[in-house]
Amino acid sequence: MYDIVIFGGTGDLSLRKLLPSLYHLVKKSKVPEEYRILCISRAPLDRVDFLLRVKEKLECFLGDDFNYTDWKRFKTILSYIDIEFLENEGWDKLNNFIYSEDHRGKQNIIYYLSVAPALFTPICRQLKKNNLTPKNSRMIVEKPFGENFKSAYKINSVLSDCFSEKQIYRIDHYLAKEAVQNILHLRFSNHLIETVWNNQHIDQVEIMVSEQIGVEGRAEFFDHIGTLRDMVQNHLMQLLTYITMEVPKSLSADHIRDRKIEVIKALEPINRDNISSHSIRAQYLAGEVNGKPVPSYKEDLKSVCDNIKGTGETFVALKINIDNSRWRGVPFILKTGKRMEKRLAEIRVKFNPPSNNLYGTDFGNLLVIEIQPKHTVSIQMMMKQLFGVDEALATHTNQMEIGNNEAFLYRIAGDYEKLLSEVINGNQAFFVRDDEIMASWKWIDAIRNAWTTTDQEMKTYISGSNGPNFDK
């Protein structure tokens, strides 16, 4: 049996992602009585109003996947209580739910902190104080894991004081994406790929995550955090470690995560000495996205509050070097931004051109791993130009795309559905370990410090473009 307890259970993340994901997981189970789901928020709410709110959101976000038969089953395992997280009172209600006579000691307990990071500490301390952290409990923590090394250290200290590392699941939803999980399969189950996956054969690697949306409803938060901390420290860092890690000893969670942290520790620092040549930060100007006019970043901020400073970057590009024997000398270009031309996430691996020059081309093969919107791997190769071309040596680029034909696929589980399933199964392979978090923050903090102390220029780019030029 599983008790799944969601702190912030009536918030946007819970209603938009978590409860729809749990709906699908329960729907797959033939015995829904295996689950009890408890949503906890601060506001008093009776059961009728709570269920009505959940039902409305499920109908909205699930669309055709929602049906009343499954809803009748699902609502029987839903409960709600209100607790003021910063107060000592009210925690007996959670204790009574967890240790009710019919379930005492028979269930695994999964906590989900779907709340602001400022509430992590008081909630964890109350759980420990009220004897609600037994060995059969697990804690899921939603990013951001702090906003720098110091704050991340405090969060990890509180978590480790209340739970063991084996009980903690730090979510980065990019690790649940099919194409990201496929990177390890592609690299380590294909001799053709792994034998050329090094600095002897690869010229450069570009990791790109672009969004068409602006800061939307996160303007104040985003201006404080910026793209470097919002995207690079977590999502792009995960893509970088997956594409560059050494072969793990096994597919166990710790062996995979051991290899990932090796990469982070091998990253050459970006600091005052090289910040101007190894980084760009920028903000979007007004422009057009999908043919529709959109305002600038500063205008987006003013629509929310005139007092927001407007210092957050909406675009970041970094040139990264990895100081180990496999990758030394290969530049890794990381780029991510908002209000870009396309919504896209991909990894482009450019191989060296052939050592001969028989055909007078300096073209190097290109392998592209597309993470969104498609889930494909494509290889670009040079081929002889056929039909109607007189030159015997004429060549052209040919692209072969390998991907799943969606017409033959069943429904693909969402990111949070997969991750919740992994927590239920006790698999930490797709979650971030504490030492990895701390190592990545240490590296990111050096970049932010260099930006500040060198007063590096904040560039601009037109909305709907590919961002500012970056001299590689």
Protein backbone atom coordinates (compact mmCIF):
# COMPACT_ATOMS: atom_id res chain seq x y z
CA MET A 1 0.00 0.00 0.00
CA TYR A 2 1.06 3.59 -0.63
CA ASP A 3 0.13 6.81 1.10
CA ILE A 4 0.97 9.71 -1.24
CA VAL A 5 0.94 13.01 0.63
CA ILE A 6 1.15 16.21 -1.44
CA PHE A 7 2.06 19.40 0.41
CA GLY A 8 0.60 22.21 -1.68
CA GLY A 9 -2.05 19.78 -2.86
CA THR A 10 -4.36 22.44 -4.29
CA GLY A 11 -1.62 24.44 -5.99
CA ASP A 12 -0.99 24.73 -9.72
CA LEU A 13 1.66 21.99 -9.96
CA SER A 14 -0.49 19.52 -8.06
CA LEU A 15 -3.66 20.18 -10.06
CA ARG A 16 -1.92 20.52 -13.43
CA LYS A 17 0.68 17.73 -13.22
CA LEU A 18 0.67 15.58 -10.08
CA LEU A 19 -2.98 14.61 -9.69
CA PRO A 20 -3.45 13.95 -13.44
CA SER A 21 -0.33 11.74 -13.32
CA LEU A 22 -1.63 9.86 -10.29
CA TYR A 23 -5.00 9.50 -12.03
CA HIS A 24 -3.26 7.64 -14.86
CA LEU A 25 -1.21 5.50 -12.47
CA VAL A 26 -4.28 4.50 -10.49
CA LYS A 27 -6.17 3.89 -13.74
CA LYS A 28 -3.50 1.38 -14.78
CA SER A 29 -3.78 -0.44 -11.46
CA LYS A 30 -6.44 -3.12 -11.15
CA VAL A 31 -6.57 -2.55 -7.39
CA PRO A 32 -6.94 1.20 -6.70
CA GLU A 33 -7.19 0.41 -2.98
CA GLU A 34 -3.37 0.13 -3.02
CA TYR A 35 -3.24 3.93 -2.98
CA ARG A 36 -4.38 6.67 -0.65
CA ILE A 37 -3.75 10.24 -1.82
CA LEU A 38 -3.81 13.06 0.70
CA CYS A 39 -3.63 16.69 -0.43
CA ILE A 40 -2.55 19.23 2.17
CA SER A 41 -2.84 22.99 1.85
CA ARG A 42 -3.28 25.90 4.23
CA ALA A 43 -6.85 26.88 3.30
CA PRO A 44 -9.80 25.20 5.04
CA LEU A 45 -11.73 23.28 2.39
CA ASP A 46 -14.49 20.72 2.82
CA ARG A 47 -14.36 17.44 0.92
CA VAL A 48 -17.14 18.34 -1.53
CA ASP A 49 -15.44 21.57 -2.63
CA PHE A 50 -12.05 19.85 -2.79
CA LEU A 51 -13.32 17.03 -5.02
CA LEU A 52 -15.17 19.51 -7.25
CA ARG A 53 -11.98 21.53 -7.74
CA VAL A 54 -9.94 18.42 -8.56
CA LYS A 55 -12.57 17.08 -10.97
CA GLU A 56 -12.71 20.38 -12.87
CA LYS A 57 -8.94 20.46 -13.28
CA LEU A 58 -8.72 16.83 -14.33
CA GLU A 59 -11.38 17.39 -16.99
CA CYS A 60 -9.42 20.40 -18.21
CA PHE A 61 -5.92 18.91 -18.25
CA LEU A 62 -6.72 15.30 -19.17
CA GLY A 63 -9.18 16.07 -21.96
CA ASP A 64 -10.29 12.87 -23.68
CA ASP A 65 -8.35 10.75 -21.17
CA PHE A 66 -10.84 11.70 -18.45
CA ASN A 67 -13.92 9.56 -17.93
CA TYR A 68 -16.48 9.39 -15.13
CA THR A 69 -16.02 5.69 -14.41
CA ASP A 70 -12.34 6.15 -13.60
CA TRP A 71 -13.13 9.36 -11.72
CA LYS A 72 -15.54 7.51 -9.43
CA ARG A 73 -12.75 5.09 -8.55
CA PHE A 74 -10.12 7.80 -8.23
CA LYS A 75 -12.08 10.09 -5.91
CA THR A 76 -12.53 7.28 -3.37
CA ILE A 77 -8.80 7.39 -2.56
CA LEU A 78 -8.56 11.20 -2.39
CA SER A 79 -8.52 13.05 0.94
CA TYR A 80 -7.82 16.60 2.03
CA ILE A 81 -6.70 18.30 5.23
CA ASP A 82 -5.59 21.85 5.97
CA ILE A 83 -2.43 22.60 7.95
CA GLU A 84 -0.71 25.93 8.53
CA PHE A 85 2.81 24.86 7.60
CA LEU A 86 4.54 27.51 9.75
CA GLU A 87 2.58 26.60 12.91
CA ASN A 88 2.91 23.75 15.39
CA GLU A 89 -0.81 23.02 15.47
CA GLY A 90 -2.66 20.80 13.02
CA TRP A 91 0.00 18.15 12.42
CA ASP A 92 -1.97 15.66 14.50
CA LYS A 93 -4.40 15.48 11.55
CA LEU A 94 -1.62 14.15 9.32
CA ASN A 95 -0.47 11.80 12.08
CA ASN A 96 -3.98 10.41 12.46
CA PHE A 97 -4.22 9.85 8.69
CA ILE A 98 -0.87 8.08 8.37
CA TYR A 99 -1.20 5.97 11.50
CA SER A 100 -4.89 5.19 11.27
CA GLU A 101 -5.77 1.84 12.77
CA ASP A 102 -6.54 0.18 9.42
CA HIS A 103 -3.23 1.19 7.80
CA ARG A 104 -0.68 1.51 10.61
CA GLY A 105 2.68 0.10 9.48
CA LYS A 106 1.27 -1.52 6.34
CA GLN A 107 2.01 1.22 3.83
CA ASN A 108 4.90 3.04 2.21
CA ILE A 109 4.66 6.80 2.65
CA ILE A 110 5.56 9.17 -0.19
CA TYR A 111 5.74 12.88 0.59
CA TYR A 112 5.82 15.46 -2.20
CA LEU A 113 6.94 19.04 -1.46
CA SER A 114 4.95 20.95 -4.07
CA VAL A 115 5.54 24.20 -2.21
CA ALA A 116 7.91 27.16 -2.25
CA PRO A 117 11.49 26.29 -1.15
CA ALA A 118 11.05 28.54 1.91
CA LEU A 119 8.59 25.97 3.28
CA PHE A 120 10.89 22.93 2.86
CA THR A 121 12.54 23.46 6.25
CA PRO A 122 9.45 23.98 8.44
CA ILE A 123 7.60 21.06 6.82
CA CYS A 124 10.53 18.63 7.14
CA ARG A 125 11.14 19.62 10.76
CA GLN A 126 7.48 19.14 11.64
CA LEU A 127 7.48 15.72 9.99
CA LYS A 128 10.49 14.68 12.07
CA LYS A 129 9.12 16.24 15.25
CA ASN A 130 5.83 14.32 14.82
CA ASN A 131 7.54 10.97 14.09
CA LEU A 132 6.35 11.00 10.48
CA THR A 133 9.68 10.08 8.85
CA PRO A 134 9.91 6.28 9.25
CA LYS A 135 12.27 4.18 7.12
CA ASN A 136 9.40 3.25 4.79
CA SER A 137 8.85 6.91 3.87
CA ARG A 138 10.23 8.77 0.82
CA MET A 139 10.51 12.48 0.16
CA ILE A 140 10.12 14.05 -3.30
CA VAL A 141 11.56 17.55 -3.63
CA GLU A 142 10.62 19.85 -6.49
CA LYS A 143 13.21 22.22 -7.96
CA PRO A 144 14.63 24.79 -7.50
CA PHE A 145 17.10 23.15 -5.11
CA GLY A 146 18.17 26.50 -3.72
CA GLU A 147 19.39 29.48 -5.70
CA ASN A 148 23.13 29.18 -5.01
CA PHE A 149 25.61 26.91 -3.23
CA LYS A 150 24.86 28.35 0.20
CA SER A 151 21.07 28.02 0.03
CA ALA A 152 21.30 24.56 -1.57
CA TYR A 153 23.56 23.47 1.29
CA LYS A 154 20.95 24.59 3.82
CA ILE A 155 18.16 22.73 2.03
CA ASN A 156 20.23 19.54 1.75
CA SER A 157 21.21 19.81 5.43
CA VAL A 158 17.56 19.95 6.49
CA LEU A 159 16.60 17.08 4.19
CA SER A 160 19.49 14.90 5.40
CA ASP A 161 18.61 15.64 9.02
CA CYS A 162 15.11 14.24 8.49
CA PHE A 163 15.65 11.60 5.79
CA SER A 164 18.50 9.44 4.55
CA GLU A 165 19.78 10.07 1.01
CA LYS A 166 18.15 6.77 -0.03
CA GLN A 167 14.79 8.28 0.91
CA ILE A 168 15.19 11.56 -1.00
CA TYR A 169 14.07 12.02 -4.63
CA ARG A 170 15.03 15.39 -6.15
CA ILE A 171 13.01 15.89 -9.31
CA ASP A 172 14.34 17.27 -12.57
CA HIS A 173 11.56 16.46 -15.02
CA TYR A 174 13.97 16.51 -17.99
CA LEU A 175 15.31 13.16 -16.77
CA ALA A 176 11.89 11.62 -17.44
CA LYS A 177 11.79 12.58 -21.10
CA GLU A 178 11.93 9.61 -23.47
CA ALA A 179 14.65 11.12 -25.64
CA VAL A 180 16.84 11.93 -22.62
CA GLN A 181 16.56 8.42 -21.21
CA ASN A 182 17.37 7.12 -24.68
CA ILE A 183 20.78 8.88 -24.63
CA LEU A 184 22.29 6.19 -22.42
CA HIS A 185 20.81 3.43 -24.60
CA LEU A 186 22.11 5.09 -27.74
CA ARG A 187 25.62 5.52 -26.34
CA PHE A 188 26.20 2.34 -24.39
CA SER A 189 24.33 -0.30 -26.40
CA ASN A 190 25.80 0.62 -29.81
CA HIS A 191 29.45 -0.20 -30.50
CA LEU A 192 29.28 2.01 -33.59
CA ILE A 193 28.55 5.05 -31.44
CA GLU A 194 30.67 4.41 -28.37
CA THR A 195 33.89 3.79 -30.29
CA VAL A 196 33.82 7.30 -31.82
CA TRP A 197 32.42 9.10 -28.75
CA ASN A 198 35.58 11.02 -27.84
CA ASN A 199 37.86 13.91 -28.76
CA GLN A 200 39.60 11.91 -31.48
CA HIS A 201 36.45 11.90 -33.60
CA ILE A 202 34.14 14.69 -32.35
CA ASP A 203 34.73 18.33 -33.32
CA GLN A 204 32.14 20.00 -31.07
CA VAL A 205 28.81 19.43 -29.31
CA GLU A 206 25.93 21.92 -29.06
CA ILE A 207 23.11 21.55 -26.54
CA MET A 208 20.17 23.84 -27.27
CA VAL A 209 16.92 24.38 -25.38
CA SER A 210 14.77 27.21 -26.78
CA GLU A 211 11.29 28.34 -25.81
CA GLN A 212 8.81 30.55 -27.62
CA ILE A 213 7.11 31.75 -24.46
CA GLY A 214 8.30 34.71 -22.42
CA VAL A 215 8.42 34.97 -18.64
CA GLU A 216 4.62 34.75 -18.48
CA GLY A 217 3.34 34.62 -14.88
CA ARG A 218 6.81 34.05 -13.43
CA ALA A 219 8.14 37.54 -14.11
CA GLU A 220 9.15 38.49 -10.57
CA PHE A 221 10.65 35.07 -9.80
CA PHE A 222 12.39 34.88 -13.15
CA ASP A 223 13.99 38.31 -12.91
CA HIS A 224 15.49 37.28 -9.58
CA ILE A 225 16.69 33.84 -10.75
CA GLY A 226 17.48 34.31 -14.47
CA THR A 227 17.97 31.67 -17.16
CA LEU A 228 21.37 30.50 -15.91
CA ARG A 229 19.90 29.27 -12.65
CA ASP A 230 16.44 28.41 -13.99
CA MET A 231 17.60 26.26 -16.92
CA VAL A 232 21.36 25.68 -17.10
CA GLN A 233 22.00 24.58 -13.52
CA ASN A 234 19.47 21.77 -13.84
CA HIS A 235 18.05 20.84 -17.26
CA LEU A 236 21.06 21.59 -19.47
CA MET A 237 23.47 20.24 -16.88
CA GLN A 238 21.60 16.93 -16.94
CA LEU A 239 21.81 16.78 -20.74
CA LEU A 240 25.53 17.58 -20.59
CA THR A 241 26.28 14.84 -18.06
CA TYR A 242 24.26 12.23 -19.95
CA ILE A 243 26.00 12.97 -23.24
CA THR A 244 29.53 12.96 -21.74
CA MET A 245 29.57 10.55 -18.78
CA GLU A 246 31.77 7.46 -18.77
CA VAL A 247 30.26 3.97 -18.88
CA PRO A 248 28.73 3.26 -15.44
CA LYS A 249 29.63 0.02 -13.68
CA SER A 250 25.95 -0.92 -13.81
CA LEU A 251 22.56 0.70 -14.37
CA SER A 252 22.06 1.16 -10.62
CA ALA A 253 21.13 4.66 -9.48
CA ASP A 254 24.37 5.35 -7.64
CA HIS A 255 26.64 4.03 -10.41
CA ILE A 256 24.93 6.30 -12.95
CA ARG A 257 25.05 9.28 -10.61
CA ASP A 258 28.71 8.61 -9.75
CA ARG A 259 29.54 9.05 -13.44
CA LYS A 260 27.49 12.23 -13.73
CA ILE A 261 29.27 13.98 -10.89
CA GLU A 262 32.63 13.04 -12.41
CA VAL A 263 31.68 15.18 -15.41
CA ILE A 264 30.64 18.17 -13.30
CA LYS A 265 33.87 18.05 -11.30
CA ALA A 266 35.85 17.96 -14.57
CA LEU A 267 34.26 21.15 -15.95
CA GLU A 268 36.83 23.89 -16.41
CA PRO A 269 35.79 27.00 -14.45
CA ILE A 270 34.24 29.97 -16.22
CA ASN A 271 35.44 32.93 -14.18
CA ARG A 272 36.77 36.47 -14.44
CA ASP A 273 39.65 35.33 -16.66
CA ASN A 274 37.50 33.87 -19.45
CA ILE A 275 33.93 35.09 -18.83
CA SER A 276 33.84 37.40 -21.87
CA SER A 277 34.95 34.68 -24.33
CA HIS A 278 33.00 31.81 -22.75
CA SER A 279 29.59 33.32 -22.02
CA ILE A 280 26.81 35.59 -23.24
CA ARG A 281 23.77 36.78 -21.35
CA ALA A 282 20.93 38.67 -23.00
CA GLN A 283 17.30 39.82 -22.78
CA TYR A 284 14.63 39.70 -25.48
CA LEU A 285 13.31 42.79 -27.21
CA ALA A 286 9.90 43.20 -28.83
CA GLY A 287 9.35 41.19 -31.97
CA GLU A 288 7.14 38.51 -33.52
CA VAL A 289 6.66 34.87 -32.51
CA ASN A 290 4.60 32.69 -34.85
CA GLY A 291 3.55 35.83 -36.71
CA LYS A 292 2.15 37.57 -33.64
CA PRO A 293 3.71 40.68 -32.06
CA VAL A 294 5.10 40.21 -28.56
CA PRO A 295 6.46 42.78 -26.09
CA SER A 296 9.99 43.08 -24.78
CA TYR A 297 11.22 41.58 -21.52
CA LYS A 298 11.16 44.98 -19.81
CA GLU A 299 7.58 45.56 -21.00
CA ASP A 300 6.57 42.13 -19.68
CA LEU A 301 7.98 43.07 -16.29
CA LYS A 302 6.21 46.45 -16.22
CA SER A 303 2.88 44.75 -16.84
CA VAL A 304 3.38 42.93 -13.54
CA CYS A 305 5.14 45.51 -11.34
CA ASP A 306 7.07 48.72 -11.94
CA ASN A 307 9.49 47.92 -9.13
CA ILE A 308 11.05 44.80 -10.66
CA LYS A 309 14.72 45.54 -11.40
CA GLY A 310 14.87 43.95 -14.85
CA THR A 311 18.34 42.45 -14.34
CA GLY A 312 17.52 38.81 -15.08
CA GLU A 313 18.87 37.26 -18.28
CA THR A 314 16.41 35.49 -20.63
CA PHE A 315 19.16 33.98 -22.82
CA VAL A 316 22.45 32.31 -21.92
CA ALA A 317 25.17 30.81 -24.09
CA LEU A 318 28.23 29.12 -22.61
CA LYS A 319 31.34 27.58 -24.10
CA ILE A 320 32.36 24.71 -21.86
CA ASN A 321 35.48 22.56 -21.73
CA ILE A 322 35.67 19.23 -19.93
CA ASP A 323 39.13 18.50 -18.57
CA ASN A 324 39.38 14.73 -18.92
CA SER A 325 41.00 12.33 -21.37
CA ARG A 326 37.82 11.64 -23.33
CA TRP A 327 36.73 15.24 -23.97
CA ARG A 328 39.75 17.51 -23.56
CA GLY A 329 39.81 20.01 -26.45
CA VAL A 330 36.17 19.52 -27.53
CA PRO A 331 34.05 22.68 -27.05
CA PHE A 332 30.54 22.14 -25.66
CA ILE A 333 28.18 25.00 -26.53
CA LEU A 334 25.17 25.31 -24.21
CA LYS A 335 22.41 27.72 -25.32
CA THR A 336 18.99 28.37 -23.89
CA GLY A 337 16.55 31.24 -24.15
CA LYS A 338 12.97 32.47 -24.13
CA ARG A 339 10.97 34.07 -26.96
CA MET A 340 13.09 32.27 -29.53
CA GLU A 341 12.12 31.32 -33.09
CA LYS A 342 11.22 27.72 -32.23
CA ARG A 343 10.33 25.55 -29.28
CA LEU A 344 13.16 23.08 -29.45
CA ALA A 345 15.45 20.94 -27.33
CA GLU A 346 18.23 19.07 -29.06
CA ILE A 347 21.84 17.89 -28.87
CA ARG A 348 23.97 18.30 -32.03
CA VAL A 349 27.16 16.26 -32.18
CA LYS A 350 29.47 17.37 -35.00
CA PHE A 351 32.15 14.88 -36.02
CA ASN A 352 35.51 15.72 -37.53
CA PRO A 353 35.74 15.72 -41.35
CA PRO A 354 37.53 12.76 -42.96
CA SER A 355 41.32 12.81 -42.79
CA ASN A 356 41.53 12.64 -46.61
CA ASN A 357 40.19 15.32 -48.92
CA LEU A 358 39.31 13.24 -51.97
CA TYR A 359 36.00 14.97 -52.54
CA GLY A 360 37.05 18.49 -51.58
CA THR A 361 34.75 18.87 -48.61
CA ASP A 362 35.36 19.71 -44.98
CA PHE A 363 31.94 18.36 -43.98
CA GLY A 364 31.82 16.37 -40.73
CA ASN A 365 29.02 13.95 -40.01
CA LEU A 366 26.32 15.30 -37.70
CA LEU A 367 24.30 13.33 -35.17
CA VAL A 368 21.24 15.14 -33.81
CA ILE A 369 19.29 13.95 -30.77
CA GLU A 370 15.97 15.81 -30.71
CA ILE A 371 14.31 15.87 -27.30
CA GLN A 372 11.33 18.07 -28.13
CA PRO A 373 9.02 18.51 -29.92
CA LYS A 374 9.94 15.19 -31.61
CA HIS A 375 11.81 12.24 -30.11
CA THR A 376 14.19 11.32 -32.91
CA VAL A 377 17.84 10.67 -33.67
CA SER A 378 19.12 11.72 -37.09
CA ILE A 379 22.47 11.30 -38.83
CA GLN A 380 23.70 13.54 -41.62
CA MET A 381 26.11 11.98 -44.11
CA MET A 382 27.60 12.96 -47.45
CA MET A 383 26.35 11.00 -50.48
CA LYS A 384 26.90 11.14 -54.22
CA GLN A 385 24.56 13.57 -55.95
CA LEU A 386 22.31 11.52 -58.24
CA PHE A 387 20.20 12.29 -61.30
CA GLY A 388 20.84 15.12 -63.68
CA VAL A 389 24.19 16.24 -62.28
CA ASP A 390 27.10 16.12 -64.72
CA GLU A 391 29.93 16.44 -62.21
CA ALA A 392 31.02 12.93 -61.31
CA LEU A 393 32.26 14.02 -57.92
CA ALA A 394 29.26 16.14 -56.90
CA THR A 395 28.06 15.33 -53.39
CA HIS A 396 25.20 16.42 -51.18
CA THR A 397 24.15 16.06 -47.58
CA ASN A 398 21.80 13.19 -46.85
CA GLN A 399 19.90 12.89 -43.58
CA MET A 400 18.67 9.63 -42.10
CA GLU A 401 16.15 9.99 -39.27
CA ILE A 402 15.53 7.27 -36.73
CA GLY A 403 12.52 7.63 -34.49
CA ASN A 404 9.41 6.01 -33.12
CA ASN A 405 6.46 6.07 -35.45
CA GLU A 406 3.85 7.66 -33.23
CA ALA A 407 1.04 6.13 -35.25
CA PHE A 408 1.95 2.76 -33.75
CA LEU A 409 2.53 3.91 -30.19
CA TYR A 410 0.20 3.70 -27.26
CA ARG A 411 -0.24 6.77 -25.10
CA ILE A 412 3.16 8.05 -23.92
CA ALA A 413 3.25 8.62 -20.18
CA GLY A 414 3.98 12.18 -19.08
CA ASP A 415 7.17 13.23 -17.31
CA TYR A 416 5.67 13.42 -13.83
CA GLU A 417 3.77 10.17 -14.32
CA LYS A 418 7.05 8.39 -15.08
CA LEU A 419 8.88 9.97 -12.18
CA LEU A 420 6.13 9.22 -9.68
CA SER A 421 6.13 5.65 -10.90
CA GLU A 422 9.90 5.44 -10.33
CA VAL A 423 9.47 6.74 -6.77
CA ILE A 424 6.81 4.13 -6.10
CA ASN A 425 9.22 1.48 -7.44
CA GLY A 426 12.06 2.88 -5.32
CA ASN A 427 14.33 3.66 -8.30
CA GLN A 428 16.50 6.77 -7.84
CA ALA A 429 18.32 6.55 -11.19
CA PHE A 430 16.38 9.46 -12.70
CA PHE A 431 16.72 11.74 -9.68
CA VAL A 432 19.52 14.07 -8.61
CA ARG A 433 21.85 13.24 -5.72
CA ASP A 434 22.98 15.77 -3.11
CA ASP A 435 26.66 15.88 -4.12
CA GLU A 436 25.67 16.46 -7.75
CA ILE A 437 23.52 19.42 -6.72
CA MET A 438 26.32 20.96 -4.69
CA ALA A 439 28.96 20.49 -7.40
CA SER A 440 26.77 22.07 -10.09
CA TRP A 441 25.95 25.07 -7.87
CA LYS A 442 29.62 25.65 -7.11
CA TRP A 443 30.35 25.82 -10.85
CA ILE A 444 27.32 28.02 -11.61
CA ASP A 445 28.09 30.44 -8.78
CA ALA A 446 31.50 31.16 -10.31
CA ILE A 447 29.81 32.31 -13.54
CA ARG A 448 27.37 34.57 -11.71
CA ASN A 449 30.17 36.04 -9.63
CA ALA A 450 32.21 36.76 -12.78
CA TRP A 451 29.23 38.44 -14.44
CA THR A 452 28.83 40.70 -11.42
CA THR A 453 32.46 41.55 -10.74
CA THR A 454 33.34 42.22 -14.38
CA ASP A 455 30.08 44.05 -15.09
CA GLN A 456 29.65 42.03 -18.29
CA GLU A 457 27.33 43.60 -20.84
CA MET A 458 23.72 42.44 -21.00
CA LYS A 459 23.07 41.94 -24.71
CA THR A 460 19.68 41.97 -26.44
CA TYR A 461 17.97 39.95 -29.17
CA ILE A 462 14.77 40.31 -31.16
CA SER A 463 11.91 38.08 -30.03
CA GLY A 464 11.36 35.34 -32.60
CA SER A 465 15.07 35.14 -33.48
CA ASN A 466 17.71 32.56 -32.56
CA GLY A 467 19.29 34.82 -29.98
CA PRO A 468 22.50 36.85 -30.13
CA ASN A 469 25.50 35.61 -32.09
CA PHE A 470 28.02 33.65 -30.09
CA ASP A 471 31.57 33.41 -31.40
CA LYS A 472 32.43 29.77 -30.91
